[in-house]
PDB file of N, CA and C in Angstrom:
ATOM      1  N   ILE A   1      -5.044 -14.171  -0.566  1.00  0.00           N
ATOM      2  CA  ILE A   1      -6.789 -14.381   0.111  1.00  0.00           C
ATOM      3  C   ILE A   1      -7.339 -13.755   0.821  1.00  0.00           C
ATOM      4  N   SER A   2      -7.570 -12.483   1.023  1.00  0.00           N
ATOM      5  CA  SER A   2      -8.311 -11.615   1.546  1.00  0.00           C
ATOM      6  C   SER A   2      -9.365 -11.500   0.037  1.00  0.00           C
ATOM      7  N   VAL A   3      -8.724 -11.431  -0.705  1.00  0.00           N
ATOM      8  CA  VAL A   3      -9.541 -11.571  -1.637  1.00  0.00           C
ATOM      9  C   VAL A   3     -10.568 -13.042  -2.102  1.00  0.00           C
ATOM     10  N   VAL A   4      -9.847 -13.419  -1.725  1.00  0.00           N
ATOM     11  CA  VAL A   4     -10.420 -15.175  -2.079  1.00  0.00           C
ATOM     12  C   VAL A   4     -11.999 -15.263  -0.619  1.00  0.00           C
ATOM     13  N   ALA A   5     -11.563 -14.566   0.241  1.00  0.00           N
ATOM     14  CA  ALA A   5     -11.981 -14.942   1.325  1.00  0.00           C
ATOM     15  C   ALA A   5     -12.996 -13.159   1.493  1.00  0.00           C
ATOM     16  N   ALA A   6     -13.100 -12.127   0.568  1.00  0.00           N
ATOM     17  CA  ALA A   6     -14.484 -11.596   0.979  1.00  0.00           C
ATOM     18  C   ALA A   6     -14.936 -12.181  -0.833  1.00  0.00           C
ATOM     19  N   CYS A   7     -14.489 -12.717  -1.902  1.00  0.00           N
ATOM     20  CA  CYS A   7     -15.512 -13.379  -2.918  1.00  0.00           C
ATOM     21  C   CYS A   7     -16.428 -14.361  -2.026  1.00  0.00           C
ATOM     22  N   MET A   8     -16.043 -15.440  -0.743  1.00  0.00           N
ATOM     23  CA  MET A   8     -17.103 -15.875  -0.059  1.00  0.00           C
ATOM     24  C   MET A   8     -17.912 -15.389   0.496  1.00  0.00           C
ATOM     25  N   TRP A   9     -17.392 -14.391   1.128  1.00  0.00           N
ATOM     26  CA  TRP A   9     -18.259 -13.767   1.574  1.00  0.00           C
ATOM     27  C   TRP A   9     -20.018 -12.898   1.347  1.00  0.00           C
ATOM     28  N   MET A  10     -18.989 -12.724  -0.257  1.00  0.00           N
ATOM     29  CA  MET A  10     -19.991 -12.036  -1.257  1.00  0.00           C
ATOM     30  C   MET A  10     -21.514 -13.191  -1.556  1.00  0.00           C
ATOM     31  N   ILE A  11     -20.068 -14.469  -1.700  1.00  0.00           N
ATOM     32  CA  ILE A  11     -21.126 -15.476  -1.961  1.00  0.00           C
ATOM     33  C   ILE A  11     -22.291 -16.507  -1.528  1.00  0.00           C
ATOM     34  N   GLU A  12     -21.466 -16.337  -0.206  1.00  0.00           N
ATOM     35  CA  GLU A  12     -22.570 -16.461   0.993  1.00  0.00           C
ATOM     36  C   GLU A  12     -23.619 -15.246   1.606  1.00  0.00           C
ATOM     37  N   HIS A  13     -23.125 -13.968   0.727  1.00  0.00           N
ATOM     38  CA  HIS A  13     -24.665 -12.978   1.450  1.00  0.00           C
ATOM     39  C   HIS A  13     -25.176 -12.736  -0.031  1.00  0.00           C
ATOM     40  N   PRO A  14     -25.757 -13.122  -1.193  1.00  0.00           N
ATOM     41  CA  PRO A  14     -25.911 -12.342  -2.202  1.00  0.00           C
ATOM     42  C   PRO A  14     -26.551 -11.093  -1.862  1.00  0.00           C
ATOM     43  N   ARG A  15     -27.370 -10.135  -1.142  1.00  0.00           N
ATOM     44  CA  ARG A  15     -28.044  -9.806  -1.050  1.00  0.00           C
ATOM     45  C   ARG A  15     -27.749  -8.828  -0.627  1.00  0.00           C
ATOM     46  N   GLU A  16     -26.673  -8.573   0.096  1.00  0.00           N
ATOM     47  CA  GLU A  16     -25.822  -7.122   0.225  1.00  0.00           C
ATOM     48  C   GLU A  16     -25.232  -6.029  -0.389  1.00  0.00           C
ATOM     49  N   GLY A  17     -25.877  -6.635  -1.949  1.00  0.00           N
ATOM     50  CA  GLY A  17     -25.358  -5.153  -2.276  1.00  0.00           C
ATOM     51  C   GLY A  17     -24.091  -5.257  -2.551  1.00  0.00           C
ATOM     52  N   VAL A  18     -23.124  -3.734  -2.558  1.00  0.00           N
ATOM     53  CA  VAL A  18     -21.691  -3.696  -2.623  1.00  0.00           C
ATOM     54  C   VAL A  18     -21.416  -3.682  -1.650  1.00  0.00           C
ATOM     55  N   ARG A  19     -20.039  -3.617  -1.452  1.00  0.00           N
ATOM     56  CA  ARG A  19     -20.232  -3.145   0.059  1.00  0.00           C
ATOM     57  C   ARG A  19     -18.085  -3.391  -0.601  1.00  0.00           C
ATOM     58  N   LEU A  20     -17.865  -1.850   0.059  1.00  0.00           N
ATOM     59  CA  LEU A  20     -15.862  -1.690   0.379  1.00  0.00           C
ATOM     60  C   LEU A  20     -15.798  -2.338   1.322  1.00  0.00           C
ATOM     61  N   PRO A  21     -14.382  -2.201   0.879  1.00  0.00           N
ATOM     62  CA  PRO A  21     -14.115  -3.486   1.989  1.00  0.00           C
ATOM     63  C   PRO A  21     -13.865  -2.366   3.470  1.00  0.00           C
ATOM     64  N   ASP A  22     -14.065  -2.176   3.334  1.00  0.00           N
ATOM     65  CA  ASP A  22     -13.955  -1.179   5.118  1.00  0.00           C
ATOM     66  C   ASP A  22     -15.220  -1.617   5.824  1.00  0.00           C
ATOM     67  N   ASP A  23     -15.924  -1.887   4.990  1.00  0.00           N
ATOM     68  CA  ASP A  23     -17.496  -2.198   4.935  1.00  0.00           C
ATOM     69  C   ASP A  23     -17.936  -4.241   5.379  1.00  0.00           C
ATOM     70  N   LEU A  24     -17.041  -4.637   4.894  1.00  0.00           N
ATOM     71  CA  LEU A  24     -17.600  -6.197   5.120  1.00  0.00           C
ATOM     72  C   LEU A  24     -16.568  -6.975   6.682  1.00  0.00           C
ATOM     73  N   PRO A  25     -16.906  -7.742   7.418  1.00  0.00           N
ATOM     74  CA  PRO A  25     -17.135  -8.133   8.448  1.00  0.00           C
ATOM     75  C   PRO A  25     -15.410  -8.500   8.443  1.00  0.00           C
ATOM     76  N   HIS A  26     -14.752  -8.058   9.268  1.00  0.00           N
ATOM     77  CA  HIS A  26     -13.365  -8.440   9.352  1.00  0.00           C
ATOM     78  C   HIS A  26     -13.235  -9.430  10.178  1.00  0.00           C
ATOM     79  N   ASP A  27     -13.665 -10.528  11.120  1.00  0.00           N
ATOM     80  CA  ASP A  27     -13.679 -11.449  11.750  1.00  0.00           C
ATOM     81  C   ASP A  27     -14.006 -12.673  10.577  1.00  0.00           C
ATOM     82  N   TYR A  28     -14.543 -12.687  10.092  1.00  0.00           N
ATOM     83  CA  TYR A  28     -14.609 -13.422   8.858  1.00  0.00           C
ATOM     84  C   TYR A  28     -14.130 -13.594   8.310  1.00  0.00           C
ATOM     85  N   ILE A  29     -12.881 -12.037   7.302  1.00  0.00           N
ATOM     86  CA  ILE A  29     -12.148 -12.206   6.533  1.00  0.00           C
ATOM     87  C   ILE A  29     -10.680 -13.293   7.219  1.00  0.00           C
ATOM     88  N   LEU A  30     -10.365 -12.739   8.194  1.00  0.00           N
ATOM     89  CA  LEU A  30      -9.271 -12.840   8.996  1.00  0.00           C
ATOM     90  C   LEU A  30      -8.948 -14.716   9.093  1.00  0.00           C
ATOM     91  N   ASN A  31     -10.445 -14.838   9.758  1.00  0.00           N
ATOM     92  CA  ASN A  31     -10.742 -16.158   9.732  1.00  0.00           C
ATOM     93  C   ASN A  31     -10.814 -16.889   8.951  1.00  0.00           C
ATOM     94  N   ILE A  32     -10.969 -16.371   7.352  1.00  0.00           N
ATOM     95  CA  ILE A  32     -10.857 -17.672   6.174  1.00  0.00           C
ATOM     96  C   ILE A  32      -8.880 -17.337   6.326  1.00  0.00           C
ATOM     97  N   ALA A  33      -8.576 -15.771   6.830  1.00  0.00           N
ATOM     98  CA  ALA A  33      -7.069 -15.313   6.021  1.00  0.00           C
ATOM     99  C   ALA A  33      -6.190 -15.890   6.750  1.00  0.00           C
ATOM    100  N   LYS A  34      -6.069 -16.021   8.553  1.00  0.00           N
ATOM    101  CA  LYS A  34      -5.121 -16.053   9.140  1.00  0.00           C
ATOM    102  C   LYS A  34      -4.260 -17.842   9.040  1.00  0.00           C
ATOM    103  N   PRO A  35      -4.599 -18.897   8.396  1.00  0.00           N
ATOM    104  CA  PRO A  35      -4.467 -19.698   8.095  1.00  0.00           C
ATOM    105  C   PRO A  35      -2.775 -19.694   7.355  1.00  0.00           C
ATOM    106  N   TYR A  36      -3.420 -18.333   6.275  1.00  0.00           N
ATOM    107  CA  TYR A  36      -1.733 -18.518   5.872  1.00  0.00           C
ATOM    108  C   TYR A  36      -1.339 -17.651   5.823  1.00  0.00           C
ATOM    109  N   LEU A  37      -1.202 -16.433   6.754  1.00  0.00           N
ATOM    110  CA  LEU A  37      -0.720 -14.647   7.060  1.00  0.00           C
ATOM    111  C   LEU A  37       0.449 -15.627   7.826  1.00  0.00           C
ATOM    112  N   GLY A  38       0.551 -17.771   8.148  1.00  0.00           N
ATOM    113  CA  GLY A  38       1.573 -17.326   9.000  1.00  0.00           C
ATOM    114  C   GLY A  38       1.344 -16.900  10.083  1.00  0.00           C
ATOM    115  N   LYS A  39       2.285 -16.656  11.241  1.00  0.00           N
ATOM    116  CA  LYS A  39       2.005 -16.656  12.741  1.00  0.00           C
ATOM    117  C   LYS A  39       1.867 -15.351  12.804  1.00  0.00           C
ATOM    118  N   PHE A  40       0.641 -15.584  13.775  1.00  0.00           N
ATOM    119  CA  PHE A  40       0.475 -13.537  14.717  1.00  0.00           C
ATOM    120  C   PHE A  40       0.919 -13.502  15.992  1.00  0.00           C
ATOM    121  N   ILE A  41       1.531 -12.181  15.631  1.00  0.00           N
ATOM    122  CA  ILE A  41       2.539 -11.968  17.095  1.00  0.00           C
ATOM    123  C   ILE A  41       1.514 -10.546  17.429  1.00  0.00           C
ATOM    124  N   SER A  42       0.845 -10.404  18.243  1.00  0.00           N
ATOM    125  CA  SER A  42       0.199  -9.093  18.262  1.00  0.00           C
ATOM    126  C   SER A  42       1.007  -8.470  20.124  1.00  0.00           C
ATOM    127  N   VAL A  43       2.278  -7.704  20.580  1.00  0.00           N
ATOM    128  CA  VAL A  43       2.831  -7.318  20.954  1.00  0.00           C
ATOM    129  C   VAL A  43       2.605  -5.728  21.860  1.00  0.00           C
ATOM    130  N   ARG A  44       2.996  -5.087  22.593  1.00  0.00           N
ATOM    131  CA  ARG A  44       2.383  -3.677  22.525  1.00  0.00           C
ATOM    132  C   ARG A  44       3.852  -2.886  22.108  1.00  0.00           C
ATOM    133  N   SER A  45       3.792  -1.715  21.569  1.00  0.00           N
ATOM    134  CA  SER A  45       4.509  -1.340  21.052  1.00  0.00           C
ATOM    135  C   SER A  45       4.877  -0.091  21.819  1.00  0.00           C
ATOM    136  N   ASP A  46       6.211   1.210  22.147  1.00  0.00           N
ATOM    137  CA  ASP A  46       6.364   1.771  21.537  1.00  0.00           C
ATOM    138  C   ASP A  46       6.716   2.834  20.622  1.00  0.00           C
ATOM    139  N   TRP A  47       6.473   1.978  19.598  1.00  0.00           N
ATOM    140  CA  TRP A  47       6.803   3.310  18.060  1.00  0.00           C
ATOM    141  C   TRP A  47       5.907   3.828  17.943  1.00  0.00           C
ATOM    142  N   THR A  48       5.795   5.212  17.507  1.00  0.00           N
ATOM    143  CA  THR A  48       5.115   6.274  16.596  1.00  0.00           C
ATOM    144  C   THR A  48       5.310   6.476  15.433  1.00  0.00           C
ATOM    145  N   PRO A  49       5.202   7.562  15.084  1.00  0.00           N
ATOM    146  CA  PRO A  49       5.780   7.990  13.440  1.00  0.00           C
ATOM    147  C   PRO A  49       6.815   8.714  13.223  1.00  0.00           C
ATOM    148  N   LEU A  50       6.851   9.382  14.768  1.00  0.00           N
ATOM    149  CA  LEU A  50       7.619  10.338  14.887  1.00  0.00           C
ATOM    150  C   LEU A  50       9.331   9.732  15.761  1.00  0.00           C
ATOM    151  N   LYS A  51       9.150   8.480  16.601  1.00  0.00           N
ATOM    152  CA  LYS A  51      10.121   8.142  16.749  1.00  0.00           C
ATOM    153  C   LYS A  51      11.407   8.252  15.678  1.00  0.00           C
ATOM    154  N   ASP A  52      12.646   8.474  16.273  1.00  0.00           N
ATOM    155  CA  ASP A  52      13.904   8.501  15.836  1.00  0.00           C
ATOM    156  C   ASP A  52      13.332   8.976  14.418  1.00  0.00           C
ATOM    157  N   THR A  53      13.017   9.722  14.022  1.00  0.00           N
ATOM    158  CA  THR A  53      12.452  10.785  12.915  1.00  0.00           C
ATOM    159  C   THR A  53      13.738  11.590  13.227  1.00  0.00           C
ATOM    160  N   SER A  54      13.862  11.334  11.285  1.00  0.00           N
ATOM    161  CA  SER A  54      15.414  12.299  10.592  1.00  0.00           C
ATOM    162  C   SER A  54      14.961  13.092   9.147  1.00  0.00           C
ATOM    163  N   VAL A  55      15.618  13.922   9.257  1.00  0.00           N
ATOM    164  CA  VAL A  55      15.619  14.270   7.440  1.00  0.00           C
ATOM    165  C   VAL A  55      16.216  13.652   6.894  1.00  0.00           C
ATOM    166  N   THR A  56      17.115  12.145   6.724  1.00  0.00           N
ATOM    167  CA  THR A  56      17.552  11.964   5.794  1.00  0.00           C
ATOM    168  C   THR A  56      18.089  12.652   4.172  1.00  0.00           C
ATOM    169  N   PHE A  57      17.324  13.142   3.216  1.00  0.00           N
ATOM    170  CA  PHE A  57      17.104  14.027   2.063  1.00  0.00           C
ATOM    171  C   PHE A  57      16.911  15.482   2.442  1.00  0.00           C
ATOM    172  N   HIS A  58      18.595  16.599   3.073  1.00  0.00           N
ATOM    173  CA  HIS A  58      18.149  17.766   3.122  1.00  0.00           C
ATOM    174  C   HIS A  58      18.099  18.586   2.172  1.00  0.00           C
ATOM    175  N   GLY A  59      16.905  19.017   2.026  1.00  0.00           N
ATOM    176  CA  GLY A  59      16.604  19.978   0.876  1.00  0.00           C
ATOM    177  C   GLY A  59      15.356  19.283   0.116  1.00  0.00           C
ATOM    178  N   TYR A  60      15.000  18.111   0.019  1.00  0.00           N
ATOM    179  CA  TYR A  60      14.543  17.487  -0.775  1.00  0.00           C
ATOM    180  C   TYR A  60      13.472  17.771  -0.538  1.00  0.00           C
ATOM    181  N   ASN A  61      13.323  18.271   1.115  1.00  0.00           N
ATOM    182  CA  ASN A  61      11.213  18.252   1.309  1.00  0.00           C
ATOM    183  C   ASN A  61      11.365  18.590   3.230  1.00  0.00           C
ATOM    184  N   ASP A  62      10.649  19.418   3.291  1.00  0.00           N
ATOM    185  CA  ASP A  62      10.454  20.531   4.513  1.00  0.00           C
ATOM    186  C   ASP A  62       9.053  19.551   5.249  1.00  0.00           C
ATOM    187  N   PRO A  63       9.396  18.598   5.848  1.00  0.00           N
ATOM    188  CA  PRO A  63       8.044  17.866   6.939  1.00  0.00           C
ATOM    189  C   PRO A  63       7.430  19.599   7.223  1.00  0.00           C
ATOM    190  N   ASP A  64       6.443  18.934   7.926  1.00  0.00           N
ATOM    191  CA  ASP A  64       5.806  19.758   8.230  1.00  0.00           C
ATOM    192  C   ASP A  64       5.130  19.154   9.358  1.00  0.00           C
ATOM    193  N   ILE A  65       5.504  18.327  10.280  1.00  0.00           N
ATOM    194  CA  ILE A  65       5.330  17.564  11.403  1.00  0.00           C
ATOM    195  C   ILE A  65       4.382  18.336  13.157  1.00  0.00           C
ATOM    196  N   ASP A  66       3.593  17.751  12.509  1.00  0.00           N
ATOM    197  CA  ASP A  66       3.338  17.895  13.987  1.00  0.00           C
ATOM    198  C   ASP A  66       3.315  17.204  15.622  1.00  0.00           C
ATOM    199  N   SER A  67       4.621  17.098  16.562  1.00  0.00           N
ATOM    200  CA  SER A  67       4.513  16.954  17.299  1.00  0.00           C
ATOM    201  C   SER A  67       4.204  16.625  18.820  1.00  0.00           C
ATOM    202  N   ASP A  68       2.850  17.872  18.719  1.00  0.00           N
ATOM    203  CA  ASP A  68       1.650  17.792  19.572  1.00  0.00           C
ATOM    204  C   ASP A  68       1.147  15.955  18.771  1.00  0.00           C
ATOM    205  N   ASP A  69       0.872  15.724  17.909  1.00  0.00           N
ATOM    206  CA  ASP A  69      -0.149  14.680  17.658  1.00  0.00           C
ATOM    207  C   ASP A  69       0.523  13.503  16.611  1.00  0.00           C
ATOM    208  N   PRO A  70       1.431  12.699  17.480  1.00  0.00           N
ATOM    209  CA  PRO A  70       2.200  12.479  16.382  1.00  0.00           C
ATOM    210  C   PRO A  70       1.474  11.686  15.497  1.00  0.00           C
ATOM    211  N   TRP A  71       0.204  10.605  15.237  1.00  0.00           N
ATOM    212  CA  TRP A  71      -0.747   9.767  14.860  1.00  0.00           C
ATOM    213  C   TRP A  71      -1.383  11.105  13.416  1.00  0.00           C
ATOM    214  N   GLN A  72      -0.975  11.809  13.119  1.00  0.00           N
ATOM    215  CA  GLN A  72      -1.679  12.761  12.192  1.00  0.00           C
ATOM    216  C   GLN A  72      -1.359  12.705  10.956  1.00  0.00           C
ATOM    217  N   PHE A  73      -1.846  12.245   9.499  1.00  0.00           N
ATOM    218  CA  PHE A  73      -1.206  11.914   8.531  1.00  0.00           C
ATOM    219  C   PHE A  73      -0.420  12.859   7.871  1.00  0.00           C
ATOM    220  N   LYS A  74       0.031  13.558   8.133  1.00  0.00           N
ATOM    221  CA  LYS A  74       1.145  14.446   7.508  1.00  0.00           C
ATOM    222  C   LYS A  74       2.541  14.078   8.656  1.00  0.00           C
ATOM    223  N   ASN A  75       2.046  13.204   9.461  1.00  0.00           N
ATOM    224  CA  ASN A  75       3.886  12.779   9.856  1.00  0.00           C
ATOM    225  C   ASN A  75       4.108  12.353   9.188  1.00  0.00           C
ATOM    226  N   PHE A  76       3.555  11.439   8.322  1.00  0.00           N
ATOM    227  CA  PHE A  76       3.881  10.181   7.300  1.00  0.00           C
ATOM    228  C   PHE A  76       3.778  10.288   6.169  1.00  0.00           C
ATOM    229  N   LEU A  77       4.112  11.453   5.520  1.00  0.00           N
ATOM    230  CA  LEU A  77       4.226  11.958   4.212  1.00  0.00           C
ATOM    231  C   LEU A  77       5.067  12.702   3.896  1.00  0.00           C
ATOM    232  N   GLN A  78       5.015  12.678   2.651  1.00  0.00           N
ATOM    233  CA  GLN A  78       6.602  12.444   2.180  1.00  0.00           C
ATOM    234  C   GLN A  78       5.728  13.668   1.470  1.00  0.00           C
ATOM    235  N   THR A  79       6.435  14.727   1.150  1.00  0.00           N
ATOM    236  CA  THR A  79       6.327  15.512  -0.039  1.00  0.00           C
ATOM    237  C   THR A  79       7.519  16.008  -0.739  1.00  0.00           C
ATOM    238  N   GLU A  80       7.181  16.996  -1.898  1.00  0.00           N
ATOM    239  CA  GLU A  80       8.333  17.936  -2.815  1.00  0.00           C
ATOM    240  C   GLU A  80       8.888  18.188  -1.914  1.00  0.00           C
ATOM    241  N   ASP A  81       9.777  19.079  -2.110  1.00  0.00           N
ATOM    242  CA  ASP A  81      10.780  20.865  -1.962  1.00  0.00           C
ATOM    243  C   ASP A  81       9.601  21.494  -3.321  1.00  0.00           C
ATOM    244  N   LYS A  82       8.748  22.250  -2.319  1.00  0.00           N
ATOM    245  CA  LYS A  82       8.527  23.246  -3.587  1.00  0.00           C
ATOM    246  C   LYS A  82       9.282  24.591  -4.083  1.00  0.00           C
ATOM    247  N   ASP A  83      10.642  24.360  -3.905  1.00  0.00           N
ATOM    248  CA  ASP A  83      11.127  25.432  -4.471  1.00  0.00           C
ATOM    249  C   ASP A  83      11.278  24.980  -5.976  1.00  0.00           C
TER     250      ASP A  83
END
């Protein structure tokens, strides 16, 4: 449905040129998409990428974790063993 909403925005704004998804107005897209997304819940959470972190496959990867800033991309990244 997000593609349909983006197409609707393009039809309504033909002189805006080529836009990346990040450049489209999110409020316009969400207003069209929300009825199809089901119940929308927004709650606070204490979750971080490092919460309950464990190395499930020992020897498969050598996690390079930044414990000072848990929201760094490398904390999400799974890498292959370099050996």
